[in-house]
Amino acid sequence: MSTIKFHQDLKVYQKSFEAAMEIYAISKTFPKEEIYSLTDQIRRSSRSVAANVSEAWGKRKYEKSFISKLTDSEGEARETQTWLQFALACQYINEEQFRILNNHYNQIIGMLVNMMIQSKNWCAFPSTKSNKI
């Protein structure tokens, strides 16, 4: 297992960045009337997954902040899945595109949840409980 020095080294970051770029390419075909609604929303939420992973990596000195940013990333991934469902229902993407992208986001969500569960292994300085009142 190689040492992770930068957020770009994280598999979850790489997968979320790639998925966001796939969504960007596909969303170029969405109708013009969707530019300020579905197109903007799905691009924003998909990009936020990777962006929040980056922030989490930068905040890993504080375990609670790390988990909070990963939680935000998970929420954005789930939001992206919802926008994908709308895109499918509106017939802007086909079943195969939906299945592949939705599966990518399920994998990303799984990775994020595992990172949160194992947060002590990821944090530079895990928080410790204090007996202070």
N, C-alpha and C. Protein backbone atom coordinates (compact mmCIF):
# COMPACT_ATOMS: atom_id res chain seq x y z
N MET A 1 0.86 -1.18 0.00
CA MET A 1 0.00 0.00 0.00
C MET A 1 0.90 1.24 0.00
N SER A 2 0.67 2.14 -0.93
CA SER A 2 1.51 3.33 -1.02
C SER A 2 1.04 4.41 -0.05
N THR A 3 1.96 5.28 0.30
CA THR A 3 1.66 6.37 1.20
C THR A 3 0.86 7.44 0.46
N ILE A 4 -0.14 7.94 1.11
CA ILE A 4 -0.97 9.00 0.52
C ILE A 4 -0.48 10.33 1.08
N LYS A 5 0.01 11.17 0.19
CA LYS A 5 0.53 12.47 0.60
C LYS A 5 -0.44 13.60 0.29
N PHE A 6 -1.17 13.45 -0.80
CA PHE A 6 -2.06 14.51 -1.27
C PHE A 6 -3.45 13.95 -1.51
N HIS A 7 -4.45 14.82 -1.46
CA HIS A 7 -5.82 14.36 -1.67
C HIS A 7 -6.00 13.72 -3.05
N GLN A 8 -5.19 14.14 -4.02
CA GLN A 8 -5.28 13.57 -5.36
C GLN A 8 -4.85 12.09 -5.39
N ASP A 9 -4.14 11.65 -4.36
CA ASP A 9 -3.72 10.25 -4.26
C ASP A 9 -4.83 9.32 -3.78
N LEU A 10 -5.88 9.88 -3.21
CA LEU A 10 -6.99 9.09 -2.68
C LEU A 10 -7.83 8.51 -3.81
N LYS A 11 -8.11 7.21 -3.76
CA LYS A 11 -8.95 6.56 -4.77
C LYS A 11 -10.34 7.20 -4.84
N VAL A 12 -10.89 7.55 -3.69
CA VAL A 12 -12.22 8.15 -3.66
C VAL A 12 -12.22 9.52 -4.36
N TYR A 13 -11.14 10.27 -4.20
CA TYR A 13 -11.02 11.55 -4.91
C TYR A 13 -10.95 11.29 -6.42
N GLN A 14 -10.11 10.35 -6.82
CA GLN A 14 -9.93 10.06 -8.24
C GLN A 14 -11.24 9.60 -8.88
N LYS A 15 -11.95 8.70 -8.20
CA LYS A 15 -13.23 8.21 -8.72
C LYS A 15 -14.27 9.32 -8.80
N SER A 16 -14.32 10.17 -7.78
CA SER A 16 -15.33 11.24 -7.78
C SER A 16 -15.01 12.31 -8.82
N PHE A 17 -13.73 12.57 -9.04
CA PHE A 17 -13.33 13.53 -10.08
C PHE A 17 -13.70 12.98 -11.46
N GLU A 18 -13.39 11.71 -11.70
CA GLU A 18 -13.72 11.08 -12.98
C GLU A 18 -15.23 11.06 -13.23
N ALA A 19 -16.00 10.74 -12.21
CA ALA A 19 -17.46 10.70 -12.35
C ALA A 19 -18.00 12.10 -12.66
N ALA A 20 -17.45 13.11 -12.00
CA ALA A 20 -17.89 14.48 -12.27
C ALA A 20 -17.59 14.89 -13.70
N MET A 21 -16.45 14.46 -14.20
CA MET A 21 -16.10 14.78 -15.59
C MET A 21 -17.00 14.03 -16.58
N GLU A 22 -17.40 12.81 -16.25
CA GLU A 22 -18.34 12.07 -17.09
C GLU A 22 -19.69 12.79 -17.12
N ILE A 23 -20.12 13.25 -15.96
CA ILE A 23 -21.39 13.97 -15.88
C ILE A 23 -21.31 15.28 -16.67
N TYR A 24 -20.19 15.97 -16.58
CA TYR A 24 -20.01 17.21 -17.35
C TYR A 24 -20.18 16.92 -18.84
N ALA A 25 -19.52 15.87 -19.32
CA ALA A 25 -19.60 15.54 -20.75
C ALA A 25 -21.02 15.19 -21.16
N ILE A 26 -21.68 14.36 -20.37
CA ILE A 26 -23.05 13.95 -20.69
C ILE A 26 -24.00 15.13 -20.62
N SER A 27 -23.82 16.00 -19.63
CA SER A 27 -24.75 17.12 -19.44
C SER A 27 -24.65 18.17 -20.54
N LYS A 28 -23.60 18.11 -21.35
CA LYS A 28 -23.51 19.01 -22.50
C LYS A 28 -24.64 18.77 -23.50
N THR A 29 -25.21 17.57 -23.46
CA THR A 29 -26.29 17.23 -24.39
C THR A 29 -27.67 17.57 -23.84
N PHE A 30 -27.75 18.01 -22.59
CA PHE A 30 -29.05 18.35 -22.00
C PHE A 30 -29.64 19.56 -22.74
N PRO A 31 -30.95 19.67 -22.78
CA PRO A 31 -31.59 20.81 -23.47
C PRO A 31 -31.19 22.16 -22.85
N LYS A 32 -31.18 23.17 -23.68
CA LYS A 32 -30.81 24.52 -23.23
C LYS A 32 -31.71 25.01 -22.10
N GLU A 33 -33.00 24.64 -22.11
CA GLU A 33 -33.90 25.11 -21.05
C GLU A 33 -33.55 24.54 -19.68
N GLU A 34 -32.67 23.54 -19.64
CA GLU A 34 -32.23 22.94 -18.37
C GLU A 34 -30.94 23.55 -17.83
N ILE A 35 -30.37 24.50 -18.56
CA ILE A 35 -29.03 25.00 -18.19
C ILE A 35 -28.98 25.59 -16.78
N TYR A 36 -30.05 26.26 -16.34
CA TYR A 36 -30.03 26.89 -15.02
C TYR A 36 -30.73 26.04 -13.96
N SER A 37 -31.12 24.84 -14.33
CA SER A 37 -31.74 23.96 -13.34
C SER A 37 -31.00 22.63 -13.28
N LEU A 38 -31.44 21.64 -14.00
CA LEU A 38 -30.84 20.31 -13.89
C LEU A 38 -29.35 20.30 -14.25
N THR A 39 -28.99 20.92 -15.35
CA THR A 39 -27.59 20.91 -15.78
C THR A 39 -26.69 21.54 -14.73
N ASP A 40 -27.08 22.70 -14.26
CA ASP A 40 -26.28 23.40 -13.24
C ASP A 40 -26.22 22.60 -11.94
N GLN A 41 -27.33 22.05 -11.52
CA GLN A 41 -27.39 21.33 -10.25
C GLN A 41 -26.56 20.05 -10.27
N ILE A 42 -26.67 19.27 -11.34
CA ILE A 42 -25.94 18.00 -11.38
C ILE A 42 -24.44 18.25 -11.51
N ARG A 43 -24.06 19.29 -12.24
CA ARG A 43 -22.63 19.62 -12.33
C ARG A 43 -22.10 20.10 -10.99
N ARG A 44 -22.86 20.94 -10.30
CA ARG A 44 -22.42 21.46 -9.00
C ARG A 44 -22.28 20.35 -7.97
N SER A 45 -23.31 19.51 -7.85
CA SER A 45 -23.26 18.46 -6.82
C SER A 45 -22.17 17.43 -7.13
N SER A 46 -22.00 17.07 -8.40
CA SER A 46 -20.98 16.07 -8.73
C SER A 46 -19.58 16.60 -8.45
N ARG A 47 -19.36 17.88 -8.73
CA ARG A 47 -18.05 18.48 -8.46
C ARG A 47 -17.81 18.64 -6.96
N SER A 48 -18.88 18.85 -6.23
CA SER A 48 -18.76 19.03 -4.78
C SER A 48 -18.30 17.77 -4.06
N VAL A 49 -18.57 16.62 -4.64
CA VAL A 49 -18.12 15.36 -4.02
C VAL A 49 -16.59 15.39 -3.91
N ALA A 50 -15.93 15.63 -5.02
CA ALA A 50 -14.46 15.68 -5.02
C ALA A 50 -13.94 16.85 -4.19
N ALA A 51 -14.59 18.00 -4.30
CA ALA A 51 -14.14 19.18 -3.56
C ALA A 51 -14.21 18.96 -2.05
N ASN A 52 -15.26 18.30 -1.59
CA ASN A 52 -15.38 18.04 -0.16
C ASN A 52 -14.38 16.99 0.33
N VAL A 53 -14.02 16.05 -0.53
CA VAL A 53 -12.96 15.10 -0.17
C VAL A 53 -11.65 15.87 0.00
N SER A 54 -11.39 16.81 -0.90
CA SER A 54 -10.18 17.63 -0.79
C SER A 54 -10.17 18.40 0.53
N GLU A 55 -11.30 19.00 0.87
CA GLU A 55 -11.39 19.74 2.13
C GLU A 55 -11.21 18.81 3.33
N ALA A 56 -11.80 17.63 3.26
CA ALA A 56 -11.66 16.67 4.36
C ALA A 56 -10.20 16.32 4.58
N TRP A 57 -9.48 16.10 3.50
CA TRP A 57 -8.06 15.76 3.61
C TRP A 57 -7.30 16.89 4.28
N GLY A 58 -7.64 18.11 3.96
CA GLY A 58 -6.98 19.26 4.57
C GLY A 58 -7.34 19.47 6.04
N LYS A 59 -8.46 18.91 6.46
CA LYS A 59 -8.92 19.08 7.84
C LYS A 59 -8.72 17.83 8.68
N ARG A 60 -7.93 16.86 8.20
CA ARG A 60 -7.81 15.60 8.92
C ARG A 60 -7.06 15.72 10.24
N LYS A 61 -6.50 16.88 10.53
CA LYS A 61 -5.88 17.11 11.84
C LYS A 61 -6.95 17.04 12.93
N TYR A 62 -8.17 17.37 12.55
CA TYR A 62 -9.30 17.38 13.49
C TYR A 62 -10.32 16.35 13.02
N GLU A 63 -10.41 15.25 13.73
CA GLU A 63 -11.24 14.12 13.31
C GLU A 63 -12.69 14.51 13.04
N LYS A 64 -13.28 15.32 13.89
CA LYS A 64 -14.68 15.72 13.69
C LYS A 64 -14.85 16.55 12.43
N SER A 65 -13.90 17.41 12.12
CA SER A 65 -13.96 18.20 10.88
C SER A 65 -13.79 17.30 9.66
N PHE A 66 -12.90 16.35 9.77
CA PHE A 66 -12.67 15.37 8.71
C PHE A 66 -13.96 14.62 8.40
N ILE A 67 -14.59 14.09 9.43
CA ILE A 67 -15.84 13.34 9.26
C ILE A 67 -16.94 14.25 8.70
N SER A 68 -17.00 15.47 9.18
CA SER A 68 -18.02 16.41 8.71
C SER A 68 -17.91 16.65 7.20
N LYS A 69 -16.69 16.86 6.72
CA LYS A 69 -16.51 17.11 5.28
C LYS A 69 -16.78 15.85 4.47
N LEU A 70 -16.44 14.68 5.00
CA LEU A 70 -16.77 13.44 4.30
C LEU A 70 -18.28 13.23 4.27
N THR A 71 -18.96 13.63 5.33
CA THR A 71 -20.42 13.56 5.38
C THR A 71 -21.02 14.48 4.31
N ASP A 72 -20.45 15.68 4.18
CA ASP A 72 -20.90 16.60 3.13
C ASP A 72 -20.70 15.97 1.75
N SER A 73 -19.56 15.33 1.56
CA SER A 73 -19.25 14.68 0.29
C SER A 73 -20.26 13.56 0.00
N GLU A 74 -20.58 12.77 1.01
CA GLU A 74 -21.57 11.71 0.84
C GLU A 74 -22.93 12.30 0.46
N GLY A 75 -23.31 13.38 1.11
CA GLY A 75 -24.58 14.04 0.79
C GLY A 75 -24.62 14.53 -0.65
N GLU A 76 -23.52 15.10 -1.11
CA GLU A 76 -23.44 15.58 -2.50
C GLU A 76 -23.50 14.41 -3.48
N ALA A 77 -22.90 13.30 -3.13
CA ALA A 77 -22.95 12.11 -3.99
C ALA A 77 -24.39 11.61 -4.11
N ARG A 78 -25.10 11.59 -2.99
CA ARG A 78 -26.50 11.15 -3.01
C ARG A 78 -27.36 12.15 -3.78
N GLU A 79 -27.07 13.43 -3.64
CA GLU A 79 -27.81 14.44 -4.42
C GLU A 79 -27.57 14.22 -5.91
N THR A 80 -26.34 13.94 -6.28
CA THR A 80 -26.01 13.67 -7.68
C THR A 80 -26.82 12.49 -8.20
N GLN A 81 -26.96 11.45 -7.38
CA GLN A 81 -27.76 10.30 -7.79
C GLN A 81 -29.22 10.70 -8.05
N THR A 82 -29.73 11.60 -7.25
CA THR A 82 -31.10 12.07 -7.45
C THR A 82 -31.23 12.83 -8.77
N TRP A 83 -30.25 13.71 -9.06
CA TRP A 83 -30.27 14.43 -10.34
C TRP A 83 -30.14 13.47 -11.51
N LEU A 84 -29.36 12.41 -11.33
CA LEU A 84 -29.27 11.39 -12.38
C LEU A 84 -30.62 10.72 -12.62
N GLN A 85 -31.39 10.50 -11.54
CA GLN A 85 -32.72 9.92 -11.69
C GLN A 85 -33.63 10.86 -12.47
N PHE A 86 -33.52 12.16 -12.19
CA PHE A 86 -34.32 13.14 -12.95
C PHE A 86 -33.90 13.13 -14.42
N ALA A 87 -32.60 13.08 -14.68
CA ALA A 87 -32.11 13.07 -16.05
C ALA A 87 -32.63 11.84 -16.80
N LEU A 88 -32.67 10.70 -16.12
CA LEU A 88 -33.21 9.49 -16.72
C LEU A 88 -34.70 9.64 -16.99
N ALA A 89 -35.44 10.12 -15.99
CA ALA A 89 -36.89 10.28 -16.13
C ALA A 89 -37.26 11.26 -17.25
N CYS A 90 -36.42 12.26 -17.46
CA CYS A 90 -36.65 13.24 -18.53
C CYS A 90 -36.09 12.77 -19.87
N GLN A 91 -35.48 11.60 -19.86
CA GLN A 91 -34.89 10.98 -21.04
C GLN A 91 -33.71 11.78 -21.62
N TYR A 92 -32.96 12.42 -20.72
CA TYR A 92 -31.73 13.11 -21.14
C TYR A 92 -30.54 12.16 -21.14
N ILE A 93 -30.67 11.06 -20.38
CA ILE A 93 -29.68 9.99 -20.39
C ILE A 93 -30.43 8.67 -20.56
N ASN A 94 -29.73 7.67 -21.01
CA ASN A 94 -30.39 6.37 -21.17
C ASN A 94 -30.15 5.49 -19.95
N GLU A 95 -30.79 4.33 -19.94
CA GLU A 95 -30.70 3.41 -18.80
C GLU A 95 -29.26 2.99 -18.51
N GLU A 96 -28.49 2.73 -19.56
CA GLU A 96 -27.11 2.29 -19.40
C GLU A 96 -26.25 3.38 -18.77
N GLN A 97 -26.39 4.61 -19.23
CA GLN A 97 -25.65 5.74 -18.66
C GLN A 97 -26.01 5.90 -17.19
N PHE A 98 -27.31 5.82 -16.90
CA PHE A 98 -27.76 5.94 -15.52
C PHE A 98 -27.16 4.83 -14.66
N ARG A 99 -27.25 3.59 -15.13
CA ARG A 99 -26.76 2.45 -14.36
C ARG A 99 -25.28 2.58 -14.04
N ILE A 100 -24.49 2.96 -15.03
CA ILE A 100 -23.04 3.08 -14.84
C ILE A 100 -22.72 4.20 -13.85
N LEU A 101 -23.30 5.37 -14.06
CA LEU A 101 -23.00 6.50 -13.17
C LEU A 101 -23.54 6.28 -11.77
N ASN A 102 -24.73 5.73 -11.66
CA ASN A 102 -25.30 5.47 -10.34
C ASN A 102 -24.43 4.47 -9.58
N ASN A 103 -23.92 3.47 -10.29
CA ASN A 103 -23.03 2.48 -9.68
C ASN A 103 -21.72 3.14 -9.22
N HIS A 104 -21.19 4.04 -10.04
CA HIS A 104 -19.98 4.78 -9.63
C HIS A 104 -20.22 5.50 -8.31
N TYR A 105 -21.37 6.17 -8.22
CA TYR A 105 -21.66 6.91 -6.99
C TYR A 105 -21.93 5.99 -5.81
N ASN A 106 -22.50 4.82 -6.04
CA ASN A 106 -22.65 3.85 -4.94
C ASN A 106 -21.28 3.42 -4.42
N GLN A 107 -20.33 3.21 -5.32
CA GLN A 107 -18.97 2.85 -4.91
C GLN A 107 -18.32 4.00 -4.14
N ILE A 108 -18.48 5.21 -4.63
CA ILE A 108 -17.91 6.39 -3.96
C ILE A 108 -18.50 6.53 -2.56
N ILE A 109 -19.81 6.37 -2.45
CA ILE A 109 -20.46 6.47 -1.14
C ILE A 109 -19.92 5.40 -0.20
N GLY A 110 -19.74 4.20 -0.69
CA GLY A 110 -19.17 3.13 0.14
C GLY A 110 -17.78 3.47 0.64
N MET A 111 -16.96 4.04 -0.24
CA MET A 111 -15.61 4.44 0.15
C MET A 111 -15.65 5.54 1.21
N LEU A 112 -16.53 6.49 1.03
CA LEU A 112 -16.65 7.59 2.00
C LEU A 112 -17.10 7.07 3.36
N VAL A 113 -18.09 6.20 3.36
CA VAL A 113 -18.58 5.63 4.62
C VAL A 113 -17.46 4.85 5.32
N ASN A 114 -16.71 4.08 4.57
CA ASN A 114 -15.59 3.35 5.18
C ASN A 114 -14.55 4.30 5.76
N MET A 115 -14.27 5.38 5.07
CA MET A 115 -13.32 6.37 5.60
C MET A 115 -13.84 6.97 6.91
N MET A 116 -15.15 7.23 6.97
CA MET A 116 -15.72 7.79 8.20
C MET A 116 -15.65 6.79 9.34
N ILE A 117 -15.96 5.53 9.05
CA ILE A 117 -15.92 4.48 10.07
C ILE A 117 -14.49 4.31 10.59
N GLN A 118 -13.53 4.42 9.69
CA GLN A 118 -12.12 4.24 10.05
C GLN A 118 -11.39 5.58 10.18
N SER A 119 -12.10 6.61 10.57
CA SER A 119 -11.53 7.97 10.60
C SER A 119 -10.24 8.08 11.42
N LYS A 120 -10.14 7.33 12.48
CA LYS A 120 -8.92 7.40 13.31
C LYS A 120 -7.67 6.99 12.52
N ASN A 121 -7.85 6.09 11.57
CA ASN A 121 -6.73 5.66 10.74
C ASN A 121 -6.30 6.73 9.73
N TRP A 122 -7.20 7.64 9.41
CA TRP A 122 -6.93 8.66 8.40
C TRP A 122 -6.45 9.98 8.98
N CYS A 123 -6.82 10.24 10.22
CA CYS A 123 -6.55 11.55 10.82
C CYS A 123 -5.14 11.62 11.38
N ALA A 124 -4.50 12.75 11.13
CA ALA A 124 -3.14 12.97 11.61
C ALA A 124 -3.10 13.02 13.13
N PHE A 125 -4.11 13.65 13.70
CA PHE A 125 -4.18 13.81 15.14
C PHE A 125 -5.61 13.54 15.59
N PRO A 126 -5.99 12.27 15.74
CA PRO A 126 -7.37 11.95 16.13
C PRO A 126 -7.74 12.63 17.45
N SER A 127 -8.98 13.05 17.51
CA SER A 127 -9.43 13.71 18.76
C SER A 127 -9.47 12.68 19.88
N THR A 128 -9.20 13.18 21.07
CA THR A 128 -9.24 12.31 22.24
C THR A 128 -10.30 12.85 23.17
N LYS A 129 -10.90 11.95 23.93
CA LYS A 129 -11.93 12.37 24.87
C LYS A 129 -11.27 13.04 26.07
N SER A 130 -11.93 14.05 26.54
CA SER A 130 -11.43 14.78 27.69
C SER A 130 -12.38 14.58 28.87
N ASN A 131 -11.82 14.58 30.04
CA ASN A 131 -12.63 14.46 31.24
C ASN A 131 -13.09 15.82 31.76
N LYS A 132 -12.80 16.88 31.02
CA LYS A 132 -13.22 18.21 31.46
C LYS A 132 -14.72 18.35 31.42
N ILE A 133 -15.24 19.08 32.38
CA ILE A 133 -16.69 19.32 32.47
C ILE A 133 -17.02 20.66 31.92
